[in-house]
Amino acid sequence: MGQVWRRNLRTVWVAEFLAVIAFSSFVPMLPYYIQSLSVSEESVEAWSGIVISAPFWAMAVVSPIWGMLSDRYGRKVMVERAMFSGFVITLLMGFSQNVGQLALFRLIQGALTGTVTAATTLVASGTPRDRLGETLGKLQLAIFMGQSLGPICGGFVADQLGYAPVFWMAAGFLLIAGLLIFFFVRESFTPVEQDDAEPLWHSLRQNFGLIFTESMLGLVLALRFSLRVGIQLPQPVLSLLVQDLLPEGSFVGSAAGLLTTVSGLSGAVAAPTLGRLADKYGGRTILLGCAWVGGTALIVQSLAPGYILLLICQALLGLTIGGTLATLSAYVGRLAPEGRSGAAYGLDAMAVSMSGAVGPFVGGWIARWFTLRTPFMIGGILMSLSSLGVLRLPKDKKVPEQA
């Protein structure tokens, strides 16, 4: 059994690496794809916010349900569901005829996918709790490496073949990832004893009760939300800012993709390293540093006169993202009651999804009302203020595990 979780980690690592390449390959291209769908110039920012945030609205609703079902029926099947449904929906996005269809497909994507949460739950449920920070940091390494390569791949394909083929390439990666999980992951799953006739709403009510009965878990989820909202606010306009900063005729698709690549690479370095340090010394200091560095990087981007400074700040922001993801995921795993890790990570996914829904949606409208740089400034201030919540975490090296 001791070797099974390691073998599963290796397989899930590769599959999630491919899945994240897929999803991250087209996200930086979405504002440009929206422009190609005959959207008026003054509406691009708002539509970008809607399309980027659409899947997160759906995820916020369904993630607790998927988390509960994973506790009942297993974690492997949830990863398969996310991978294979992502394959179908991403393929269809490449055939969108207008921005309304694209937004609808993105909404469905959010309802049916969620590979990161499903994979995290699968890995965390089989990992010894004293190895969670390090192990989830390794999984975050796959995620950030995928985020590093995906935008460059997507930008290159978009510049050479157009925007629709980016979605078709992404669908192929998701299909391969799903097949890897199906054939090579072994799960020994024993559900917690419960009444099979228990209605879903009753289980959901119990899961939401975790937030209030475990006050520390509620604080961790609130920090997850606030820190990610700060990061997500500029997402709809980052590519448009690149378009403004670079000369006309430049390879803006590749340049926008490079920003996410640099952020992903620095996050790939930070996630396992900071996750290991959080296991050893506690996550409070790590999170404080991440909040301050991330807030500063966003504020500087709001003032950046050129593309190079934007690139440097995205690298610093990647360090922040890597540190917060690994550290907060480990907090959630340790605070989850026995047999309820699916529910805990489902609530965590809801917090992530709500931040992904609110951040880009609000950021797109802020940019339309003010300037392209305003969401960066507001996001930086929000991340810095989130450090006040981090100060409420215990100073102990490790969070006490819950029974």
Protein backbone atom coordinates (compact mmCIF):
# COMPACT_ATOMS: atom_id res chain seq x y z
CA MET A 1 0.00 0.00 0.00
CA GLY A 2 2.93 2.29 0.76
CA GLN A 3 4.00 2.18 -2.87
CA VAL A 4 0.53 2.53 -4.40
CA TRP A 5 0.11 6.19 -3.46
CA ARG A 6 3.51 6.97 -4.96
CA ARG A 7 2.66 5.19 -8.24
CA ASN A 8 -0.71 6.94 -8.36
CA LEU A 9 1.00 10.28 -7.74
CA ARG A 10 3.28 9.73 -10.73
CA THR A 11 0.36 8.86 -13.02
CA VAL A 12 -1.85 11.69 -11.78
CA TRP A 13 1.13 14.04 -12.09
CA VAL A 14 1.52 13.29 -15.82
CA ALA A 15 -2.23 13.36 -16.47
CA GLU A 16 -2.74 16.65 -14.66
CA PHE A 17 0.29 18.11 -16.42
CA LEU A 18 -1.36 17.37 -19.78
CA ALA A 19 -4.77 18.60 -18.61
CA VAL A 20 -3.39 21.91 -17.37
CA ILE A 21 -1.46 22.39 -20.62
CA ALA A 22 -4.81 21.94 -22.35
CA PHE A 23 -6.82 24.44 -20.30
CA SER A 24 -4.04 27.02 -20.01
CA SER A 25 -3.28 26.93 -23.74
CA PHE A 26 -6.44 28.83 -24.68
CA VAL A 27 -7.19 31.05 -21.65
CA PRO A 28 -4.68 33.81 -22.62
CA MET A 29 -6.12 33.68 -26.16
CA LEU A 30 -9.72 34.19 -25.10
CA PRO A 31 -9.76 38.02 -25.45
CA TYR A 32 -8.31 37.68 -28.97
CA TYR A 33 -10.73 34.84 -29.83
CA ILE A 34 -13.58 37.06 -28.63
CA GLN A 35 -12.34 39.85 -30.93
CA SER A 36 -12.41 37.36 -33.84
CA LEU A 37 -16.08 36.60 -33.09
CA SER A 38 -17.12 40.10 -34.22
CA VAL A 39 -17.52 41.65 -30.77
CA SER A 40 -17.46 45.48 -30.75
CA GLU A 41 -14.19 46.98 -29.53
CA GLU A 42 -15.78 48.75 -26.56
CA SER A 43 -17.32 45.47 -25.32
CA VAL A 44 -14.23 43.23 -25.49
CA GLU A 45 -13.16 43.85 -21.87
CA ALA A 46 -16.61 43.11 -20.45
CA TRP A 47 -17.10 40.00 -22.62
CA SER A 48 -13.61 38.80 -21.70
CA GLY A 49 -14.54 39.04 -18.03
CA ILE A 50 -17.79 37.14 -18.63
CA VAL A 51 -16.19 34.36 -20.70
CA ILE A 52 -13.19 33.91 -18.38
CA SER A 53 -15.36 33.87 -15.25
CA ALA A 54 -18.21 31.74 -16.66
CA PRO A 55 -16.84 28.28 -15.72
CA PHE A 56 -16.07 29.42 -12.19
CA TRP A 57 -19.69 30.43 -11.54
CA ALA A 58 -20.75 26.88 -12.42
CA MET A 59 -17.87 25.32 -10.44
CA ALA A 60 -18.87 27.30 -7.36
CA VAL A 61 -22.29 25.64 -7.44
CA VAL A 62 -21.33 22.07 -8.33
CA SER A 63 -17.93 21.62 -6.63
CA PRO A 64 -19.39 20.75 -3.20
CA ILE A 65 -21.66 18.21 -4.92
CA TRP A 66 -18.75 16.57 -6.78
CA GLY A 67 -16.77 16.55 -3.53
CA MET A 68 -19.60 14.80 -1.69
CA LEU A 69 -20.02 12.26 -4.49
CA SER A 70 -16.30 11.51 -4.40
CA ASP A 71 -16.66 10.56 -0.73
CA ARG A 72 -19.50 8.20 -1.69
CA TYR A 73 -18.30 6.64 -4.93
CA GLY A 74 -14.55 7.18 -5.13
CA ARG A 75 -12.03 9.80 -6.21
CA LYS A 76 -10.74 8.15 -9.40
CA VAL A 77 -14.10 8.31 -11.16
CA MET A 78 -14.28 12.04 -10.40
CA VAL A 79 -10.96 12.64 -12.17
CA GLU A 80 -12.19 10.60 -15.16
CA ARG A 81 -15.39 12.63 -15.27
CA ALA A 82 -13.45 15.89 -15.29
CA MET A 83 -10.97 14.79 -17.97
CA PHE A 84 -13.38 13.24 -20.47
CA SER A 85 -16.07 15.92 -20.19
CA GLY A 86 -13.33 18.53 -20.62
CA PHE A 87 -12.30 16.79 -23.84
CA VAL A 88 -15.81 17.07 -25.32
CA ILE A 89 -16.53 20.66 -24.24
CA THR A 90 -13.13 22.02 -25.26
CA LEU A 91 -13.53 20.45 -28.69
CA LEU A 92 -16.90 22.20 -29.08
CA MET A 93 -15.48 25.58 -28.01
CA GLY A 94 -13.32 25.55 -31.12
CA PHE A 95 -16.50 25.54 -33.22
CA SER A 96 -18.16 28.54 -31.49
CA GLN A 97 -20.00 30.79 -33.94
CA ASN A 98 -20.48 33.74 -31.60
CA VAL A 99 -19.44 34.94 -28.16
CA GLY A 100 -22.71 33.77 -26.60
CA GLN A 101 -21.99 30.17 -27.62
CA LEU A 102 -18.46 30.45 -26.27
CA ALA A 103 -19.75 31.74 -22.92
CA LEU A 104 -22.28 28.87 -22.76
CA PHE A 105 -19.61 26.25 -23.47
CA ARG A 106 -17.40 27.79 -20.80
CA LEU A 107 -20.29 27.60 -18.32
CA ILE A 108 -20.80 23.90 -19.11
CA GLN A 109 -17.05 23.36 -18.83
CA GLY A 110 -17.17 24.66 -15.28
CA ALA A 111 -20.09 22.42 -14.33
CA LEU A 112 -18.49 19.21 -15.60
CA THR A 113 -14.72 19.59 -15.25
CA GLY A 114 -12.50 20.69 -12.34
CA THR A 115 -9.49 18.43 -12.92
CA VAL A 116 -7.25 20.17 -10.37
CA THR A 117 -9.64 19.64 -7.45
CA ALA A 118 -10.47 16.08 -8.48
CA ALA A 119 -6.79 15.18 -8.85
CA THR A 120 -5.86 16.91 -5.58
CA THR A 121 -8.56 14.97 -3.71
CA LEU A 122 -7.44 11.67 -5.26
CA VAL A 123 -3.81 12.25 -4.30
CA ALA A 124 -4.53 13.71 -0.84
CA SER A 125 -6.87 10.88 0.17
CA GLY A 126 -4.09 8.31 -0.24
CA THR A 127 -1.15 10.33 1.07
CA PRO A 128 0.12 10.14 4.68
CA ARG A 129 -0.92 13.37 6.39
CA ASP A 130 2.60 14.25 7.45
CA ARG A 131 3.60 14.23 3.76
CA LEU A 132 0.68 16.32 2.43
CA GLY A 133 2.53 19.61 1.99
CA GLU A 134 5.41 18.02 0.09
CA THR A 135 3.17 15.70 -1.99
CA LEU A 136 0.63 18.35 -2.93
CA GLY A 137 3.53 20.67 -3.69
CA LYS A 138 4.76 18.06 -6.19
CA LEU A 139 1.30 17.92 -7.74
CA GLN A 140 1.29 21.71 -7.92
CA LEU A 141 4.60 21.40 -9.77
CA ALA A 142 2.75 19.52 -12.54
CA ILE A 143 0.06 22.18 -12.56
CA PHE A 144 2.50 25.06 -12.83
CA MET A 145 4.63 23.33 -15.44
CA GLY A 146 1.47 22.76 -17.45
CA GLN A 147 0.56 26.41 -17.01
CA SER A 148 4.05 27.31 -18.21
CA LEU A 149 3.96 25.28 -21.42
CA GLY A 150 0.27 25.64 -22.24
CA PRO A 151 0.18 29.36 -23.08
CA ILE A 152 3.33 29.13 -25.22
CA CYS A 153 1.87 26.16 -27.12
CA GLY A 154 -1.45 27.96 -27.50
CA GLY A 155 0.17 31.22 -28.54
CA PHE A 156 2.30 29.50 -31.17
CA VAL A 157 -0.64 27.58 -32.63
CA ALA A 158 -2.80 30.72 -32.60
CA ASP A 159 -0.16 32.78 -34.39
CA GLN A 160 0.40 30.06 -37.01
CA LEU A 161 -3.03 28.45 -37.52
CA GLY A 162 -5.61 30.69 -35.84
CA TYR A 163 -7.51 30.55 -32.55
CA ALA A 164 -9.93 27.63 -33.12
CA PRO A 165 -7.15 25.01 -33.58
CA VAL A 166 -5.88 25.87 -30.09
CA PHE A 167 -9.07 24.38 -28.64
CA TRP A 168 -8.78 21.24 -30.77
CA MET A 169 -5.19 20.71 -29.63
CA ALA A 170 -6.30 21.15 -26.01
CA ALA A 171 -9.06 18.57 -26.44
CA GLY A 172 -6.51 16.00 -27.59
CA PHE A 173 -4.38 16.54 -24.47
CA LEU A 174 -7.43 16.06 -22.23
CA LEU A 175 -8.35 12.80 -23.95
CA ILE A 176 -4.87 11.40 -23.36
CA ALA A 177 -4.96 12.54 -19.71
CA GLY A 178 -8.29 10.80 -19.11
CA LEU A 179 -7.03 7.56 -20.62
CA LEU A 180 -3.96 7.61 -18.36
CA ILE A 181 -6.17 7.86 -15.27
CA PHE A 182 -8.52 5.16 -16.53
CA PHE A 183 -5.84 2.58 -17.25
CA PHE A 184 -3.06 3.24 -14.74
CA VAL A 185 -4.47 4.64 -11.46
CA ARG A 186 -5.36 2.06 -8.80
CA GLU A 187 -7.73 3.16 -6.04
CA SER A 188 -8.59 1.18 -2.94
CA PHE A 189 -11.68 3.07 -1.88
CA THR A 190 -13.84 2.36 1.16
CA PRO A 191 -16.58 4.94 1.69
CA VAL A 192 -17.43 6.16 5.16
CA GLU A 193 -20.44 4.23 6.46
CA GLN A 194 -23.60 6.22 5.84
CA ASP A 195 -27.22 5.89 4.91
CA ASP A 196 -27.39 5.47 1.11
CA ALA A 197 -30.93 6.81 1.19
CA GLU A 198 -29.78 10.06 2.75
CA PRO A 199 -30.85 12.93 0.48
CA LEU A 200 -28.17 14.97 -1.25
CA TRP A 201 -29.33 18.22 0.33
CA HIS A 202 -28.81 16.77 3.80
CA SER A 203 -25.24 15.74 2.96
CA LEU A 204 -24.58 19.13 1.44
CA ARG A 205 -25.85 20.84 4.59
CA GLN A 206 -23.46 18.73 6.67
CA ASN A 207 -20.57 19.59 4.36
CA PHE A 208 -21.25 23.32 4.59
CA GLY A 209 -21.43 22.87 8.35
CA LEU A 210 -17.73 21.97 8.23
CA ILE A 211 -16.98 25.63 7.57
CA PHE A 212 -18.65 26.72 10.79
CA THR A 213 -17.84 23.78 13.08
CA GLU A 214 -14.18 23.87 12.05
CA SER A 215 -13.51 27.60 12.40
CA MET A 216 -9.92 27.24 11.23
CA LEU A 217 -11.11 25.58 8.00
CA GLY A 218 -13.48 28.49 7.43
CA LEU A 219 -10.59 30.94 7.83
CA VAL A 220 -8.41 28.96 5.39
CA LEU A 221 -11.20 28.95 2.79
CA ALA A 222 -11.75 32.69 3.27
CA LEU A 223 -8.04 33.29 2.68
CA ARG A 224 -8.17 31.08 -0.42
CA PHE A 225 -10.98 33.25 -1.77
CA SER A 226 -9.53 36.67 -0.98
CA LEU A 227 -6.00 35.95 -2.19
CA ARG A 228 -7.23 34.45 -5.46
CA VAL A 229 -9.67 37.29 -6.12
CA GLY A 230 -6.71 39.66 -5.97
CA ILE A 231 -4.80 37.51 -8.47
CA GLN A 232 -7.81 37.03 -10.76
CA LEU A 233 -8.97 40.65 -11.03
CA PRO A 234 -6.50 41.55 -13.84
CA GLN A 235 -6.95 38.31 -15.83
CA PRO A 236 -9.45 39.62 -18.44
CA VAL A 237 -7.23 42.58 -19.31
CA LEU A 238 -3.69 41.18 -19.04
CA SER A 239 -3.63 40.16 -22.72
CA LEU A 240 -5.18 43.48 -23.72
CA LEU A 241 -2.51 45.37 -21.77
CA VAL A 242 0.14 43.40 -23.69
CA GLN A 243 -1.59 44.48 -26.89
CA ASP A 244 -1.30 48.11 -25.78
CA LEU A 245 2.35 47.88 -24.73
CA LEU A 246 3.72 46.11 -27.81
CA PRO A 247 4.06 47.63 -31.30
CA GLU A 248 1.33 46.84 -33.81
CA GLY A 249 2.11 43.68 -35.76
CA SER A 250 3.99 41.97 -32.91
CA PHE A 251 3.25 38.36 -32.02
CA VAL A 252 0.85 39.34 -29.24
CA GLY A 253 -0.47 35.80 -28.84
CA SER A 254 2.98 34.44 -28.04
CA ALA A 255 3.81 37.48 -25.89
CA ALA A 256 0.65 37.08 -23.82
CA GLY A 257 1.31 33.37 -23.49
CA LEU A 258 4.87 34.04 -22.33
CA LEU A 259 3.57 36.01 -19.34
CA THR A 260 1.61 33.00 -18.12
CA THR A 261 4.55 30.72 -18.92
CA VAL A 262 6.93 32.76 -16.76
CA SER A 263 4.37 32.86 -13.96
CA GLY A 264 3.90 29.10 -14.23
CA LEU A 265 7.62 28.36 -14.18
CA SER A 266 8.22 30.41 -11.04
CA GLY A 267 5.15 28.80 -9.47
CA ALA A 268 6.50 25.36 -10.40
CA VAL A 269 9.67 26.13 -8.45
CA ALA A 270 7.80 27.66 -5.51
CA ALA A 271 5.06 25.05 -4.96
CA PRO A 272 7.11 22.01 -3.84
CA THR A 273 9.78 24.11 -2.15
CA LEU A 274 7.41 26.26 -0.11
CA GLY A 275 5.11 23.28 0.51
CA ARG A 276 8.05 21.40 2.06
CA LEU A 277 8.99 24.43 4.17
CA ALA A 278 5.36 24.74 5.33
CA ASP A 279 5.43 21.07 6.46
CA LYS A 280 8.59 21.75 8.44
CA TYR A 281 8.07 25.23 9.84
CA GLY A 282 4.36 25.98 9.42
CA GLY A 283 2.47 27.81 6.71
CA ARG A 284 1.73 31.12 8.44
CA THR A 285 5.02 32.81 7.53
CA ILE A 286 4.90 31.41 3.99
CA LEU A 287 1.42 32.82 3.43
CA LEU A 288 2.35 36.21 4.87
CA GLY A 289 5.27 36.51 2.50
CA CYS A 290 3.17 35.39 -0.46
CA ALA A 291 0.45 37.96 0.28
CA TRP A 292 2.93 40.83 0.47
CA VAL A 293 5.03 39.82 -2.54
CA GLY A 294 1.95 39.15 -4.67
CA GLY A 295 0.31 42.42 -3.70
CA THR A 296 3.46 44.37 -4.51
CA ALA A 297 3.87 42.62 -7.88
CA LEU A 298 0.31 43.52 -8.90
CA ILE A 299 0.65 47.16 -7.86
CA VAL A 300 3.90 47.50 -9.82
CA GLN A 301 2.18 46.01 -12.89
CA SER A 302 -0.45 48.71 -12.67
CA LEU A 303 2.36 51.24 -13.19
CA ALA A 304 4.58 49.25 -15.60
CA PRO A 305 5.72 51.36 -18.57
CA GLY A 306 6.80 48.39 -20.69
CA TYR A 307 6.44 44.68 -21.34
CA ILE A 308 9.70 43.60 -19.62
CA LEU A 309 8.63 44.90 -16.19
CA LEU A 310 5.30 43.15 -16.69
CA LEU A 311 7.23 39.93 -17.32
CA ILE A 312 9.32 40.31 -14.15
CA CYS A 313 6.24 40.99 -12.02
CA GLN A 314 4.46 37.94 -13.44
CA ALA A 315 7.43 35.83 -12.32
CA LEU A 316 7.05 37.19 -8.78
CA LEU A 317 3.31 36.62 -8.92
CA GLY A 318 3.97 32.99 -9.88
CA LEU A 319 6.01 32.52 -6.70
CA THR A 320 3.03 33.82 -4.76
CA ILE A 321 0.56 31.54 -6.49
CA GLY A 322 2.77 28.49 -5.97
CA GLY A 323 3.24 29.19 -2.28
CA THR A 324 -0.42 29.86 -1.53
CA LEU A 325 -1.74 26.87 -3.47
CA ALA A 326 0.55 24.31 -1.85
CA THR A 327 0.30 25.73 1.66
CA LEU A 328 -3.46 26.25 1.74
CA SER A 329 -4.11 22.83 0.13
CA ALA A 330 -2.09 21.22 2.91
CA TYR A 331 -4.09 23.15 5.53
CA VAL A 332 -7.34 21.86 4.02
CA GLY A 333 -6.06 18.27 3.97
CA ARG A 334 -5.01 18.37 7.62
CA LEU A 335 -8.21 20.04 8.78
CA ALA A 336 -10.51 17.62 6.91
CA PRO A 337 -12.28 15.15 9.24
CA GLU A 338 -11.52 11.47 8.62
CA GLY A 339 -13.28 10.23 5.48
CA ARG A 340 -14.44 13.73 4.54
CA SER A 341 -11.49 14.92 2.46
CA GLY A 342 -13.70 14.99 -0.64
CA ALA A 343 -16.15 17.30 1.11
CA ALA A 344 -13.35 19.54 2.41
CA TYR A 345 -11.69 19.83 -0.98
CA GLY A 346 -15.10 20.35 -2.57
CA LEU A 347 -15.59 23.39 -0.33
CA ASP A 348 -12.06 24.49 -1.18
CA ALA A 349 -12.91 24.18 -4.87
CA MET A 350 -16.02 26.27 -4.26
CA ALA A 351 -13.86 29.02 -2.73
CA VAL A 352 -11.44 28.82 -5.68
CA SER A 353 -14.32 28.86 -8.15
CA MET A 354 -16.05 31.80 -6.51
CA SER A 355 -12.80 33.75 -6.67
CA GLY A 356 -12.38 32.79 -10.33
CA ALA A 357 -15.93 33.93 -11.02
CA VAL A 358 -15.89 37.18 -9.07
CA GLY A 359 -12.32 38.26 -9.93
CA PRO A 360 -12.40 38.29 -13.76
CA PHE A 361 -16.04 39.40 -13.92
CA VAL A 362 -15.46 42.40 -11.67
CA GLY A 363 -12.03 43.07 -13.18
CA GLY A 364 -13.46 43.24 -16.69
CA TRP A 365 -16.07 45.80 -15.69
CA ILE A 366 -13.58 47.83 -13.64
CA ALA A 367 -11.36 48.05 -16.72
CA ARG A 368 -14.28 49.20 -18.82
CA TRP A 369 -15.31 51.87 -16.29
CA PHE A 370 -11.75 53.08 -15.52
CA THR A 371 -8.56 51.87 -17.25
CA LEU A 372 -6.86 48.59 -18.13
CA ARG A 373 -4.45 49.11 -15.23
CA THR A 374 -7.01 49.71 -12.47
CA PRO A 375 -7.74 45.99 -11.79
CA PHE A 376 -4.02 45.42 -11.11
CA MET A 377 -3.94 48.15 -8.47
CA ILE A 378 -7.12 46.97 -6.73
CA GLY A 379 -5.96 43.33 -6.85
CA GLY A 380 -2.64 44.26 -5.25
CA ILE A 381 -4.31 46.17 -2.43
CA LEU A 382 -6.68 43.24 -1.77
CA MET A 383 -3.83 40.72 -1.58
CA SER A 384 -1.92 42.92 0.85
CA LEU A 385 -4.97 43.34 3.08
CA SER A 386 -5.47 39.56 3.10
CA SER A 387 -2.31 39.30 5.20
CA LEU A 388 -4.41 40.50 8.15
CA GLY A 389 -6.38 37.24 7.91
CA VAL A 390 -3.17 35.22 7.71
CA LEU A 391 -2.15 36.67 11.09
CA ARG A 392 -5.10 34.82 12.66
CA LEU A 393 -3.57 31.45 11.77
CA PRO A 394 -1.76 29.68 14.64
CA LYS A 395 1.99 30.14 15.02
CA ASP A 396 2.47 26.38 15.56
CA LYS A 397 4.64 24.58 13.05
CA LYS A 398 1.74 22.35 12.03
CA VAL A 399 -2.00 22.64 12.12
CA PRO A 400 -3.49 20.03 14.50
CA GLU A 401 -5.01 17.16 12.55
CA GLN A 402 -8.74 16.69 12.96
CA ALA A 403 -10.21 13.40 14.11
